[in-house]
Amino acid sequence: MGGLFSADGKLAQVLGKAADLVILNVLWIVCSIPVVTAGAAATAFYTVALKMIKNEESYVFRSFFQAFKENFKQATVVTLILLAVAAVLGCDFYVCTKMGLEKARPLFILFCVVAVFVYMGSCYMFPVMAFFENSTKKVFKNSFLMALAHLPFTILIAVISLLPWVFLFFGQFIAAAFFDLIAGFSIAGYINAHIFRRIFKRYMPE
């Protein structure tokens, strides 16, 4: 029993990790509010989370903001590109609604496929920047290649990433919002970080 409740015991480790996830959740939300900084916040989140899995991280605040600063330029460029693509797809879907369902059905299906493909690739981009050093061009290339090469994992990652939003919009709003604000996003991200770590390990040199 002494070991369980000691400063280095399992309980203390679990509570410490839970506290770190709450801090990460708040940091990610606050730093994502300007929208264009959401990519840098996500990259910083995964930088910390990927290290937490291996118990390599002790100072969440310092590591988060250090990663935020180091990846800000590249992550913001990637975010702006993704926002531009999302805007184009949004306009395409709007045009489809104006054309009528029957006439626009083939285009609508095509745009849905493109949107899903972009979303799956985007799930990898910020973790890739957190784990590897790549040019912006290679971030896009490698993210989409990994998403296709590990499609079952990609589908799982995509679903997990959406769960906090699903709970928010389709669950009891106040309870879901409270949970998401406290730890909902970081729990989903931390689970995904385990999957990303497993995938990325295959691309590390021996």
N, C-alpha and C. Protein backbone atom coordinates (compact mmCIF):
# COMPACT_ATOMS: atom_id res chain seq x y z
N MET A 1 0.82 -1.21 0.00
CA MET A 1 0.00 0.00 0.00
C MET A 1 0.85 1.26 0.00
N GLY A 2 1.98 1.16 0.71
CA GLY A 2 2.86 2.32 0.75
C GLY A 2 3.36 2.69 -0.62
N GLY A 3 3.64 1.66 -1.42
CA GLY A 3 4.12 1.93 -2.77
C GLY A 3 3.07 2.60 -3.63
N LEU A 4 1.81 2.20 -3.44
CA LEU A 4 0.73 2.76 -4.24
C LEU A 4 0.54 4.24 -3.98
N PHE A 5 0.64 4.65 -2.69
CA PHE A 5 0.36 6.03 -2.31
C PHE A 5 1.63 6.86 -2.13
N SER A 6 2.78 6.31 -2.47
CA SER A 6 4.02 7.06 -2.34
C SER A 6 4.11 8.10 -3.45
N ALA A 7 5.08 9.00 -3.31
CA ALA A 7 5.24 10.08 -4.29
C ALA A 7 5.56 9.54 -5.68
N ASP A 8 6.20 8.37 -5.73
CA ASP A 8 6.55 7.76 -7.01
C ASP A 8 5.65 6.59 -7.35
N GLY A 9 4.56 6.42 -6.59
CA GLY A 9 3.68 5.29 -6.81
C GLY A 9 2.80 5.45 -8.04
N LYS A 10 2.06 4.39 -8.35
CA LYS A 10 1.21 4.37 -9.54
C LYS A 10 0.12 5.45 -9.47
N LEU A 11 -0.46 5.61 -8.28
CA LEU A 11 -1.53 6.59 -8.14
C LEU A 11 -1.03 7.99 -8.42
N ALA A 12 0.14 8.32 -7.88
CA ALA A 12 0.72 9.65 -8.10
C ALA A 12 1.04 9.86 -9.58
N GLN A 13 1.49 8.82 -10.26
CA GLN A 13 1.80 8.93 -11.68
C GLN A 13 0.54 9.16 -12.50
N VAL A 14 -0.51 8.42 -12.16
CA VAL A 14 -1.78 8.58 -12.88
C VAL A 14 -2.35 9.98 -12.66
N LEU A 15 -2.35 10.44 -11.40
CA LEU A 15 -2.88 11.77 -11.10
C LEU A 15 -2.03 12.86 -11.75
N GLY A 16 -0.72 12.65 -11.78
CA GLY A 16 0.17 13.62 -12.41
C GLY A 16 -0.08 13.72 -13.91
N LYS A 17 -0.28 12.56 -14.55
CA LYS A 17 -0.55 12.55 -15.99
C LYS A 17 -1.91 13.16 -16.28
N ALA A 18 -2.89 12.90 -15.42
CA ALA A 18 -4.22 13.49 -15.60
C ALA A 18 -4.15 15.02 -15.49
N ALA A 19 -3.36 15.50 -14.53
CA ALA A 19 -3.20 16.95 -14.37
C ALA A 19 -2.52 17.55 -15.60
N ASP A 20 -1.53 16.85 -16.14
CA ASP A 20 -0.84 17.32 -17.35
C ASP A 20 -1.79 17.40 -18.54
N LEU A 21 -2.70 16.43 -18.65
CA LEU A 21 -3.66 16.43 -19.75
C LEU A 21 -4.64 17.58 -19.62
N VAL A 22 -5.03 17.91 -18.39
CA VAL A 22 -5.92 19.06 -18.17
C VAL A 22 -5.20 20.34 -18.58
N ILE A 23 -3.95 20.47 -18.18
CA ILE A 23 -3.16 21.66 -18.55
C ILE A 23 -3.01 21.75 -20.06
N LEU A 24 -2.69 20.62 -20.70
CA LEU A 24 -2.53 20.60 -22.16
C LEU A 24 -3.83 20.99 -22.86
N ASN A 25 -4.94 20.50 -22.33
CA ASN A 25 -6.25 20.80 -22.92
C ASN A 25 -6.52 22.31 -22.90
N VAL A 26 -6.27 22.92 -21.76
CA VAL A 26 -6.49 24.36 -21.61
C VAL A 26 -5.55 25.15 -22.51
N LEU A 27 -4.28 24.75 -22.54
CA LEU A 27 -3.30 25.44 -23.37
C LEU A 27 -3.68 25.36 -24.84
N TRP A 28 -4.10 24.16 -25.26
CA TRP A 28 -4.48 23.99 -26.67
C TRP A 28 -5.67 24.87 -27.04
N ILE A 29 -6.69 24.90 -26.17
CA ILE A 29 -7.89 25.71 -26.45
C ILE A 29 -7.55 27.19 -26.50
N VAL A 30 -6.84 27.68 -25.50
CA VAL A 30 -6.51 29.10 -25.42
C VAL A 30 -5.65 29.52 -26.62
N CYS A 31 -4.65 28.71 -26.95
CA CYS A 31 -3.74 29.07 -28.05
C CYS A 31 -4.36 28.86 -29.43
N SER A 32 -5.51 28.19 -29.49
CA SER A 32 -6.20 27.96 -30.76
C SER A 32 -7.27 29.00 -31.04
N ILE A 33 -7.56 29.85 -30.07
CA ILE A 33 -8.65 30.82 -30.21
C ILE A 33 -8.48 31.73 -31.43
N PRO A 34 -7.26 32.21 -31.74
CA PRO A 34 -7.12 33.05 -32.95
C PRO A 34 -7.30 32.28 -34.26
N VAL A 35 -7.54 30.98 -34.21
CA VAL A 35 -7.76 30.08 -35.35
C VAL A 35 -6.48 29.84 -36.14
N VAL A 36 -5.83 30.91 -36.62
CA VAL A 36 -4.62 30.73 -37.43
C VAL A 36 -3.48 30.13 -36.60
N THR A 37 -3.57 30.22 -35.27
CA THR A 37 -2.54 29.65 -34.41
C THR A 37 -2.89 28.23 -33.96
N ALA A 38 -4.03 27.72 -34.44
CA ALA A 38 -4.48 26.38 -34.01
C ALA A 38 -3.48 25.31 -34.42
N GLY A 39 -2.86 25.46 -35.58
CA GLY A 39 -1.87 24.48 -36.04
C GLY A 39 -0.65 24.45 -35.15
N ALA A 40 -0.16 25.62 -34.78
CA ALA A 40 1.00 25.69 -33.87
C ALA A 40 0.64 25.10 -32.51
N ALA A 41 -0.59 25.35 -32.06
CA ALA A 41 -1.04 24.79 -30.78
C ALA A 41 -1.13 23.27 -30.85
N ALA A 42 -1.65 22.75 -31.97
CA ALA A 42 -1.76 21.30 -32.13
C ALA A 42 -0.39 20.65 -32.21
N THR A 43 0.54 21.31 -32.90
CA THR A 43 1.91 20.78 -32.99
C THR A 43 2.56 20.76 -31.61
N ALA A 44 2.37 21.83 -30.85
CA ALA A 44 2.93 21.89 -29.49
C ALA A 44 2.29 20.82 -28.61
N PHE A 45 0.97 20.63 -28.77
CA PHE A 45 0.29 19.60 -27.99
C PHE A 45 0.90 18.23 -28.27
N TYR A 46 1.05 17.88 -29.54
CA TYR A 46 1.58 16.56 -29.88
C TYR A 46 3.06 16.41 -29.52
N THR A 47 3.79 17.51 -29.54
CA THR A 47 5.19 17.45 -29.10
C THR A 47 5.27 16.97 -27.66
N VAL A 48 4.41 17.53 -26.82
CA VAL A 48 4.38 17.16 -25.40
C VAL A 48 3.78 15.77 -25.22
N ALA A 49 2.65 15.51 -25.89
CA ALA A 49 1.95 14.24 -25.70
C ALA A 49 2.79 13.05 -26.15
N LEU A 50 3.49 13.18 -27.26
CA LEU A 50 4.33 12.09 -27.75
C LEU A 50 5.47 11.78 -26.78
N LYS A 51 5.95 12.81 -26.07
CA LYS A 51 6.98 12.60 -25.06
C LYS A 51 6.39 12.02 -23.77
N MET A 52 5.18 12.43 -23.45
CA MET A 52 4.52 11.93 -22.24
C MET A 52 4.34 10.42 -22.29
N ILE A 53 4.10 9.89 -23.46
CA ILE A 53 3.89 8.45 -23.61
C ILE A 53 5.10 7.66 -23.14
N LYS A 54 6.28 8.22 -23.39
CA LYS A 54 7.52 7.57 -22.98
C LYS A 54 8.05 8.12 -21.66
N ASN A 55 7.21 8.89 -20.96
CA ASN A 55 7.61 9.51 -19.69
C ASN A 55 8.87 10.35 -19.85
N GLU A 56 8.94 11.06 -20.99
CA GLU A 56 10.11 11.91 -21.26
C GLU A 56 9.83 13.38 -20.94
N GLU A 57 8.62 13.67 -20.46
CA GLU A 57 8.24 15.06 -20.25
C GLU A 57 7.87 15.34 -18.80
N SER A 58 8.43 16.43 -18.25
CA SER A 58 8.14 16.81 -16.87
C SER A 58 7.58 18.22 -16.75
N TYR A 59 7.93 19.08 -17.71
CA TYR A 59 7.54 20.49 -17.63
C TYR A 59 6.61 20.82 -18.80
N VAL A 60 5.32 20.64 -18.59
CA VAL A 60 4.34 20.78 -19.67
C VAL A 60 4.30 22.20 -20.21
N PHE A 61 4.20 23.19 -19.31
CA PHE A 61 4.09 24.58 -19.75
C PHE A 61 5.29 24.97 -20.61
N ARG A 62 6.47 24.73 -20.09
CA ARG A 62 7.69 25.15 -20.78
C ARG A 62 7.83 24.44 -22.12
N SER A 63 7.59 23.14 -22.14
CA SER A 63 7.74 22.37 -23.37
C SER A 63 6.69 22.76 -24.41
N PHE A 64 5.46 23.02 -23.94
CA PHE A 64 4.40 23.41 -24.87
C PHE A 64 4.75 24.72 -25.57
N PHE A 65 5.10 25.72 -24.80
CA PHE A 65 5.36 27.03 -25.40
C PHE A 65 6.67 27.06 -26.19
N GLN A 66 7.62 26.23 -25.81
CA GLN A 66 8.84 26.12 -26.59
C GLN A 66 8.53 25.53 -27.97
N ALA A 67 7.75 24.45 -27.98
CA ALA A 67 7.35 23.83 -29.25
C ALA A 67 6.45 24.76 -30.05
N PHE A 68 5.58 25.48 -29.37
CA PHE A 68 4.69 26.45 -30.03
C PHE A 68 5.52 27.49 -30.78
N LYS A 69 6.53 27.99 -30.11
CA LYS A 69 7.39 29.02 -30.70
C LYS A 69 8.22 28.45 -31.85
N GLU A 70 8.80 27.29 -31.65
CA GLU A 70 9.69 26.70 -32.66
C GLU A 70 8.94 26.32 -33.94
N ASN A 71 7.69 25.90 -33.81
CA ASN A 71 6.93 25.42 -34.96
C ASN A 71 5.91 26.43 -35.47
N PHE A 72 5.89 27.62 -34.89
CA PHE A 72 4.84 28.59 -35.20
C PHE A 72 4.78 28.93 -36.69
N LYS A 73 5.91 29.25 -37.27
CA LYS A 73 5.91 29.69 -38.67
C LYS A 73 5.41 28.60 -39.60
N GLN A 74 6.02 27.41 -39.51
CA GLN A 74 5.63 26.33 -40.42
C GLN A 74 4.20 25.86 -40.17
N ALA A 75 3.84 25.71 -38.90
CA ALA A 75 2.49 25.25 -38.56
C ALA A 75 1.43 26.25 -39.01
N THR A 76 1.74 27.54 -38.94
CA THR A 76 0.79 28.55 -39.37
C THR A 76 0.61 28.52 -40.88
N VAL A 77 1.70 28.32 -41.61
CA VAL A 77 1.60 28.19 -43.07
C VAL A 77 0.71 27.01 -43.43
N VAL A 78 0.95 25.87 -42.77
CA VAL A 78 0.14 24.67 -43.02
C VAL A 78 -1.33 24.94 -42.69
N THR A 79 -1.57 25.62 -41.57
CA THR A 79 -2.94 25.94 -41.16
C THR A 79 -3.64 26.83 -42.19
N LEU A 80 -2.94 27.83 -42.68
CA LEU A 80 -3.53 28.74 -43.67
C LEU A 80 -3.86 28.01 -44.97
N ILE A 81 -2.99 27.09 -45.37
CA ILE A 81 -3.25 26.30 -46.57
C ILE A 81 -4.50 25.43 -46.37
N LEU A 82 -4.59 24.79 -45.21
CA LEU A 82 -5.76 23.95 -44.91
C LEU A 82 -7.04 24.78 -44.85
N LEU A 83 -6.96 25.97 -44.27
CA LEU A 83 -8.12 26.85 -44.22
C LEU A 83 -8.55 27.28 -45.62
N ALA A 84 -7.56 27.53 -46.48
CA ALA A 84 -7.88 27.91 -47.86
C ALA A 84 -8.56 26.76 -48.59
N VAL A 85 -8.05 25.55 -48.39
CA VAL A 85 -8.66 24.37 -49.02
C VAL A 85 -10.08 24.17 -48.49
N ALA A 86 -10.25 24.34 -47.17
CA ALA A 86 -11.58 24.19 -46.56
C ALA A 86 -12.55 25.25 -47.12
N ALA A 87 -12.05 26.46 -47.35
CA ALA A 87 -12.90 27.52 -47.90
C ALA A 87 -13.33 27.18 -49.33
N VAL A 88 -12.40 26.66 -50.12
CA VAL A 88 -12.72 26.27 -51.50
C VAL A 88 -13.75 25.15 -51.51
N LEU A 89 -13.54 24.15 -50.65
CA LEU A 89 -14.50 23.04 -50.58
C LEU A 89 -15.86 23.53 -50.09
N GLY A 90 -15.85 24.47 -49.16
CA GLY A 90 -17.11 25.03 -48.67
C GLY A 90 -17.87 25.74 -49.79
N CYS A 91 -17.15 26.48 -50.62
CA CYS A 91 -17.77 27.15 -51.76
C CYS A 91 -18.31 26.13 -52.76
N ASP A 92 -17.55 25.05 -52.96
CA ASP A 92 -17.99 24.00 -53.88
C ASP A 92 -19.29 23.36 -53.40
N PHE A 93 -19.35 23.06 -52.10
CA PHE A 93 -20.58 22.48 -51.55
C PHE A 93 -21.76 23.46 -51.66
N TYR A 94 -21.46 24.73 -51.47
CA TYR A 94 -22.52 25.74 -51.59
C TYR A 94 -23.06 25.80 -53.02
N VAL A 95 -22.16 25.75 -53.99
CA VAL A 95 -22.57 25.74 -55.40
C VAL A 95 -23.42 24.52 -55.70
N CYS A 96 -23.03 23.37 -55.13
CA CYS A 96 -23.80 22.14 -55.33
C CYS A 96 -25.23 22.28 -54.82
N THR A 97 -25.40 22.93 -53.69
CA THR A 97 -26.75 23.11 -53.14
C THR A 97 -27.59 24.01 -54.02
N LYS A 98 -26.95 24.97 -54.68
CA LYS A 98 -27.67 25.87 -55.56
C LYS A 98 -28.04 25.20 -56.89
N MET A 99 -27.22 24.21 -57.30
CA MET A 99 -27.48 23.52 -58.56
C MET A 99 -28.62 22.52 -58.45
N GLY A 100 -28.91 22.07 -57.24
CA GLY A 100 -29.93 21.04 -57.06
C GLY A 100 -29.28 19.68 -56.90
N LEU A 101 -29.90 18.82 -56.09
CA LEU A 101 -29.31 17.54 -55.73
C LEU A 101 -29.07 16.63 -56.92
N GLU A 102 -30.05 16.55 -57.83
CA GLU A 102 -29.92 15.63 -58.96
C GLU A 102 -28.79 16.04 -59.89
N LYS A 103 -28.71 17.31 -60.23
CA LYS A 103 -27.68 17.78 -61.15
C LYS A 103 -26.28 17.73 -60.52
N ALA A 104 -26.23 18.02 -59.24
CA ALA A 104 -24.93 18.17 -58.57
C ALA A 104 -24.45 16.90 -57.87
N ARG A 105 -25.24 15.81 -57.96
CA ARG A 105 -24.88 14.60 -57.22
C ARG A 105 -23.46 14.12 -57.49
N PRO A 106 -23.00 13.98 -58.76
CA PRO A 106 -21.63 13.51 -59.01
C PRO A 106 -20.58 14.44 -58.42
N LEU A 107 -20.79 15.75 -58.57
CA LEU A 107 -19.85 16.71 -58.00
C LEU A 107 -19.85 16.66 -56.48
N PHE A 108 -21.04 16.53 -55.91
CA PHE A 108 -21.17 16.46 -54.45
C PHE A 108 -20.40 15.26 -53.90
N ILE A 109 -20.55 14.12 -54.54
CA ILE A 109 -19.84 12.90 -54.11
C ILE A 109 -18.33 13.10 -54.24
N LEU A 110 -17.91 13.72 -55.37
CA LEU A 110 -16.48 13.98 -55.58
C LEU A 110 -15.93 14.88 -54.49
N PHE A 111 -16.64 15.96 -54.18
CA PHE A 111 -16.17 16.90 -53.15
C PHE A 111 -16.15 16.25 -51.77
N CYS A 112 -17.09 15.34 -51.51
CA CYS A 112 -17.09 14.62 -50.24
C CYS A 112 -15.85 13.73 -50.11
N VAL A 113 -15.51 13.06 -51.20
CA VAL A 113 -14.31 12.21 -51.20
C VAL A 113 -13.06 13.05 -50.97
N VAL A 114 -12.98 14.19 -51.65
CA VAL A 114 -11.83 15.09 -51.48
C VAL A 114 -11.76 15.61 -50.05
N ALA A 115 -12.91 15.98 -49.50
CA ALA A 115 -12.94 16.51 -48.13
C ALA A 115 -12.48 15.47 -47.11
N VAL A 116 -12.93 14.23 -47.29
CA VAL A 116 -12.52 13.15 -46.38
C VAL A 116 -11.02 12.91 -46.50
N PHE A 117 -10.51 12.91 -47.75
CA PHE A 117 -9.08 12.70 -47.98
C PHE A 117 -8.25 13.80 -47.33
N VAL A 118 -8.69 15.05 -47.49
CA VAL A 118 -7.98 16.18 -46.89
C VAL A 118 -8.02 16.08 -45.37
N TYR A 119 -9.18 15.73 -44.83
CA TYR A 119 -9.30 15.61 -43.37
C TYR A 119 -8.38 14.53 -42.83
N MET A 120 -8.33 13.37 -43.48
CA MET A 120 -7.47 12.29 -43.01
C MET A 120 -6.00 12.70 -43.06
N GLY A 121 -5.60 13.37 -44.14
CA GLY A 121 -4.22 13.83 -44.22
C GLY A 121 -3.90 14.88 -43.18
N SER A 122 -4.86 15.77 -42.92
CA SER A 122 -4.63 16.83 -41.94
C SER A 122 -4.46 16.29 -40.53
N CYS A 123 -5.06 15.12 -40.26
CA CYS A 123 -4.90 14.50 -38.94
C CYS A 123 -3.44 14.18 -38.64
N TYR A 124 -2.66 13.95 -39.69
CA TYR A 124 -1.26 13.59 -39.52
C TYR A 124 -0.31 14.78 -39.51
N MET A 125 -0.71 15.89 -40.10
CA MET A 125 0.24 16.97 -40.37
C MET A 125 0.91 17.54 -39.12
N PHE A 126 0.13 17.84 -38.11
CA PHE A 126 0.71 18.47 -36.92
C PHE A 126 1.50 17.47 -36.06
N PRO A 127 1.03 16.22 -35.91
CA PRO A 127 1.89 15.22 -35.26
C PRO A 127 3.19 14.97 -36.03
N VAL A 128 3.12 14.99 -37.36
CA VAL A 128 4.33 14.81 -38.17
C VAL A 128 5.32 15.94 -37.90
N MET A 129 4.83 17.17 -37.83
CA MET A 129 5.71 18.31 -37.53
C MET A 129 6.27 18.22 -36.12
N ALA A 130 5.49 17.63 -35.21
CA ALA A 130 5.94 17.50 -33.82
C ALA A 130 7.04 16.45 -33.68
N PHE A 131 7.00 15.43 -34.55
CA PHE A 131 7.90 14.29 -34.38
C PHE A 131 9.09 14.30 -35.34
N PHE A 132 8.88 14.86 -36.54
CA PHE A 132 9.93 14.87 -37.55
C PHE A 132 10.30 16.29 -37.94
N GLU A 133 11.47 16.43 -38.53
CA GLU A 133 11.87 17.71 -39.11
C GLU A 133 11.73 17.59 -40.62
N ASN A 134 10.75 18.29 -41.18
CA ASN A 134 10.47 18.23 -42.61
C ASN A 134 10.20 19.62 -43.16
N SER A 135 10.40 19.77 -44.46
CA SER A 135 9.96 20.99 -45.11
C SER A 135 8.43 20.97 -45.17
N THR A 136 7.84 22.12 -45.43
CA THR A 136 6.38 22.19 -45.50
C THR A 136 5.85 21.28 -46.60
N LYS A 137 6.54 21.24 -47.71
CA LYS A 137 6.13 20.38 -48.82
C LYS A 137 6.13 18.92 -48.41
N LYS A 138 7.16 18.50 -47.68
CA LYS A 138 7.25 17.11 -47.24
C LYS A 138 6.24 16.80 -46.14
N VAL A 139 5.88 17.80 -45.36
CA VAL A 139 4.84 17.59 -44.33
C VAL A 139 3.54 17.15 -45.00
N PHE A 140 3.16 17.85 -46.06
CA PHE A 140 1.94 17.49 -46.79
C PHE A 140 2.09 16.13 -47.46
N LYS A 141 3.20 15.94 -48.14
CA LYS A 141 3.43 14.69 -48.87
C LYS A 141 3.44 13.49 -47.93
N ASN A 142 4.25 13.57 -46.88
CA ASN A 142 4.38 12.45 -45.96
C ASN A 142 3.10 12.19 -45.17
N SER A 143 2.38 13.25 -44.85
CA SER A 143 1.13 13.08 -44.10
C SER A 143 0.09 12.30 -44.91
N PHE A 144 -0.06 12.68 -46.17
CA PHE A 144 -1.03 11.98 -47.02
C PHE A 144 -0.59 10.55 -47.32
N LEU A 145 0.71 10.35 -47.51
CA LEU A 145 1.21 9.00 -47.77
C LEU A 145 1.01 8.10 -46.56
N MET A 146 1.30 8.62 -45.37
CA MET A 146 1.09 7.85 -44.15
C MET A 146 -0.39 7.55 -43.94
N ALA A 147 -1.23 8.54 -44.21
CA ALA A 147 -2.68 8.36 -44.03
C ALA A 147 -3.19 7.22 -44.90
N LEU A 148 -2.69 7.12 -46.12
CA LEU A 148 -3.11 6.05 -47.02
C LEU A 148 -2.44 4.72 -46.68
N ALA A 149 -1.18 4.78 -46.28
CA ALA A 149 -0.43 3.55 -45.98
C ALA A 149 -0.95 2.86 -44.72
N HIS A 150 -1.50 3.64 -43.81
CA HIS A 150 -2.00 3.09 -42.53
C HIS A 150 -3.49 3.40 -42.41
N LEU A 151 -4.24 3.08 -43.44
CA LEU A 151 -5.64 3.49 -43.53
C LEU A 151 -6.50 3.03 -42.34
N PRO A 152 -6.38 1.78 -41.87
CA PRO A 152 -7.19 1.39 -40.69
C PRO A 152 -6.91 2.28 -39.48
N PHE A 153 -5.62 2.55 -39.22
CA PHE A 153 -5.26 3.45 -38.12
C PHE A 153 -5.77 4.87 -38.39
N THR A 154 -5.68 5.28 -39.66
CA THR A 154 -6.13 6.62 -40.02
C THR A 154 -7.61 6.81 -39.74
N ILE A 155 -8.40 5.83 -40.08
CA ILE A 155 -9.85 5.90 -39.82
C ILE A 155 -10.10 6.00 -38.31
N LEU A 156 -9.35 5.19 -37.54
CA LEU A 156 -9.50 5.23 -36.08
C LEU A 156 -9.11 6.59 -35.53
N ILE A 157 -8.00 7.14 -36.00
CA ILE A 157 -7.54 8.46 -35.57
C ILE A 157 -8.56 9.54 -35.91
N ALA A 158 -9.09 9.46 -37.13
CA ALA A 158 -10.09 10.44 -37.58
C ALA A 158 -11.34 10.40 -36.71
N VAL A 159 -11.78 9.21 -36.37
CA VAL A 159 -12.98 9.05 -35.53
C VAL A 159 -12.73 9.58 -34.12
N ILE A 160 -11.59 9.20 -33.55
CA ILE A 160 -11.25 9.65 -32.19
C ILE A 160 -11.16 11.17 -32.14
N SER A 161 -10.58 11.78 -33.17
CA SER A 161 -10.45 13.23 -33.22
C SER A 161 -11.80 13.94 -33.24
N LEU A 162 -12.79 13.28 -33.81
CA LEU A 162 -14.12 13.88 -33.92
C LEU A 162 -14.97 13.68 -32.67
N LEU A 163 -14.61 12.71 -31.84
CA LEU A 163 -15.46 12.37 -30.70
C LEU A 163 -15.78 13.55 -29.77
N PRO A 164 -14.80 14.39 -29.40
CA PRO A 164 -15.16 15.53 -28.53
C PRO A 164 -16.20 16.45 -29.16
N TRP A 165 -16.13 16.62 -30.49
CA TRP A 165 -17.09 17.47 -31.19
C TRP A 165 -18.45 16.78 -31.28
N VAL A 166 -18.43 15.48 -31.47
CA VAL A 166 -19.69 14.72 -31.52
C VAL A 166 -20.42 14.82 -30.18
N PHE A 167 -19.66 14.65 -29.09
CA PHE A 167 -20.26 14.77 -27.76
C PHE A 167 -20.83 16.17 -27.54
N LEU A 168 -20.10 17.17 -28.06
CA LEU A 168 -20.50 18.55 -27.85
C LEU A 168 -21.81 18.88 -28.58
N PHE A 169 -21.94 18.42 -29.81
CA PHE A 169 -23.08 18.81 -30.63
C PHE A 169 -24.27 17.84 -30.54
N PHE A 170 -23.98 16.61 -30.12
CA PHE A 170 -25.06 15.63 -30.09
C PHE A 170 -25.36 15.09 -28.68
N GLY A 171 -24.54 15.48 -27.71
CA GLY A 171 -24.79 15.05 -26.34
C GLY A 171 -25.46 16.17 -25.56
N GLN A 172 -25.46 16.02 -24.25
CA GLN A 172 -25.98 17.08 -23.38
C GLN A 172 -24.98 18.22 -23.39
N PHE A 173 -25.34 19.34 -23.96
CA PHE A 173 -24.39 20.38 -24.32
C PHE A 173 -23.55 20.87 -23.13
N ILE A 174 -24.20 21.20 -22.02
CA ILE A 174 -23.47 21.79 -20.89
C ILE A 174 -22.44 20.80 -20.33
N ALA A 175 -22.86 19.55 -20.13
CA ALA A 175 -21.95 18.53 -19.60
C ALA A 175 -20.82 18.25 -20.59
N ALA A 176 -21.16 18.14 -21.88
CA ALA A 176 -20.15 17.86 -22.91
C ALA A 176 -19.17 19.02 -23.04
N ALA A 177 -19.69 20.25 -22.98
CA ALA A 177 -18.83 21.43 -23.09
C ALA A 177 -17.87 21.50 -21.90
N PHE A 178 -18.38 21.21 -20.72
CA PHE A 178 -17.53 21.21 -19.52
C PHE A 178 -16.43 20.16 -19.64
N PHE A 179 -16.82 18.96 -20.07
CA PHE A 179 -15.83 17.89 -20.23
C PHE A 179 -14.79 18.24 -21.27
N ASP A 180 -15.22 18.79 -22.41
CA ASP A 180 -14.27 19.16 -23.47
C ASP A 180 -13.34 20.26 -23.02
N LEU A 181 -13.86 21.23 -22.27
CA LEU A 181 -13.03 22.33 -21.80
C LEU A 181 -12.00 21.87 -20.78
N ILE A 182 -12.34 20.83 -20.02
CA ILE A 182 -11.42 20.34 -19.00
C ILE A 182 -10.38 19.39 -19.58
N ALA A 183 -10.86 18.37 -20.32
CA ALA A 183 -9.89 17.36 -20.78
C ALA A 183 -10.32 16.60 -22.02
N GLY A 184 -11.48 16.90 -22.58
CA GLY A 184 -12.00 16.10 -23.70
C GLY A 184 -11.07 16.04 -24.89
N PHE A 185 -10.55 17.19 -25.32
CA PHE A 185 -9.69 17.23 -26.49
C PHE A 185 -8.33 16.58 -26.22
N SER A 186 -7.79 16.82 -25.03
CA SER A 186 -6.47 16.26 -24.72
C SER A 186 -6.52 14.74 -24.56
N ILE A 187 -7.63 14.21 -24.05
CA ILE A 187 -7.76 12.75 -23.94
C ILE A 187 -7.77 12.12 -25.32
N ALA A 188 -8.56 12.70 -26.23
CA ALA A 188 -8.60 12.20 -27.60
C ALA A 188 -7.23 12.31 -28.25
N GLY A 189 -6.57 13.45 -28.05
CA GLY A 189 -5.24 13.64 -28.63
C GLY A 189 -4.20 12.70 -28.05
N TYR A 190 -4.32 12.44 -26.75
CA TYR A 190 -3.36 11.54 -26.09
C TYR A 190 -3.53 10.11 -26.59
N ILE A 191 -4.77 9.70 -26.79
CA ILE A 191 -5.02 8.36 -27.36
C ILE A 191 -4.43 8.28 -28.76
N ASN A 192 -4.68 9.31 -29.54
CA ASN A 192 -4.13 9.34 -30.90
C ASN A 192 -2.61 9.36 -30.89
N ALA A 193 -2.03 10.04 -29.90
CA ALA A 193 -0.57 10.11 -29.82
C ALA A 193 0.05 8.71 -29.68
N HIS A 194 -0.63 7.83 -28.96
CA HIS A 194 -0.16 6.44 -28.86
C HIS A 194 -0.14 5.77 -30.23
N ILE A 195 -1.18 6.03 -31.01
CA ILE A 195 -1.26 5.44 -32.35
C ILE A 195 -0.18 6.05 -33.25
N PHE A 196 -0.02 7.36 -33.19
CA PHE A 196 1.00 8.02 -34.01
C PHE A 196 2.40 7.53 -33.65
N ARG A 197 2.65 7.35 -32.37
CA ARG A 197 3.96 6.87 -31.94
C ARG A 197 4.25 5.50 -32.55
N ARG A 198 3.25 4.67 -32.58
CA ARG A 198 3.40 3.33 -33.16
C ARG A 198 3.67 3.42 -34.66
N ILE A 199 2.97 4.32 -35.34
CA ILE A 199 3.17 4.50 -36.78
C ILE A 199 4.52 5.10 -37.08
N PHE A 200 4.86 6.17 -36.37
CA PHE A 200 6.10 6.89 -36.64
C PHE A 200 7.34 6.04 -36.37
N LYS A 201 7.21 5.10 -35.44
CA LYS A 201 8.34 4.24 -35.11
C LYS A 201 8.84 3.49 -36.33
N ARG A 202 7.95 3.19 -37.26
CA ARG A 202 8.31 2.46 -38.48
C ARG A 202 9.18 3.30 -39.42
N TYR A 203 9.13 4.60 -39.25
CA TYR A 203 9.87 5.50 -40.13
C TYR A 203 11.15 6.05 -39.50
N MET A 204 11.43 5.58 -38.30
CA MET A 204 12.66 5.99 -37.63
C MET A 204 13.82 5.11 -38.09
N PRO A 205 15.00 5.69 -38.29
CA PRO A 205 16.16 4.87 -38.67
C PRO A 205 16.56 3.92 -37.55
N GLU A 206 17.07 2.77 -37.94
CA GLU A 206 17.49 1.78 -36.94
C GLU A 206 18.63 2.30 -36.10
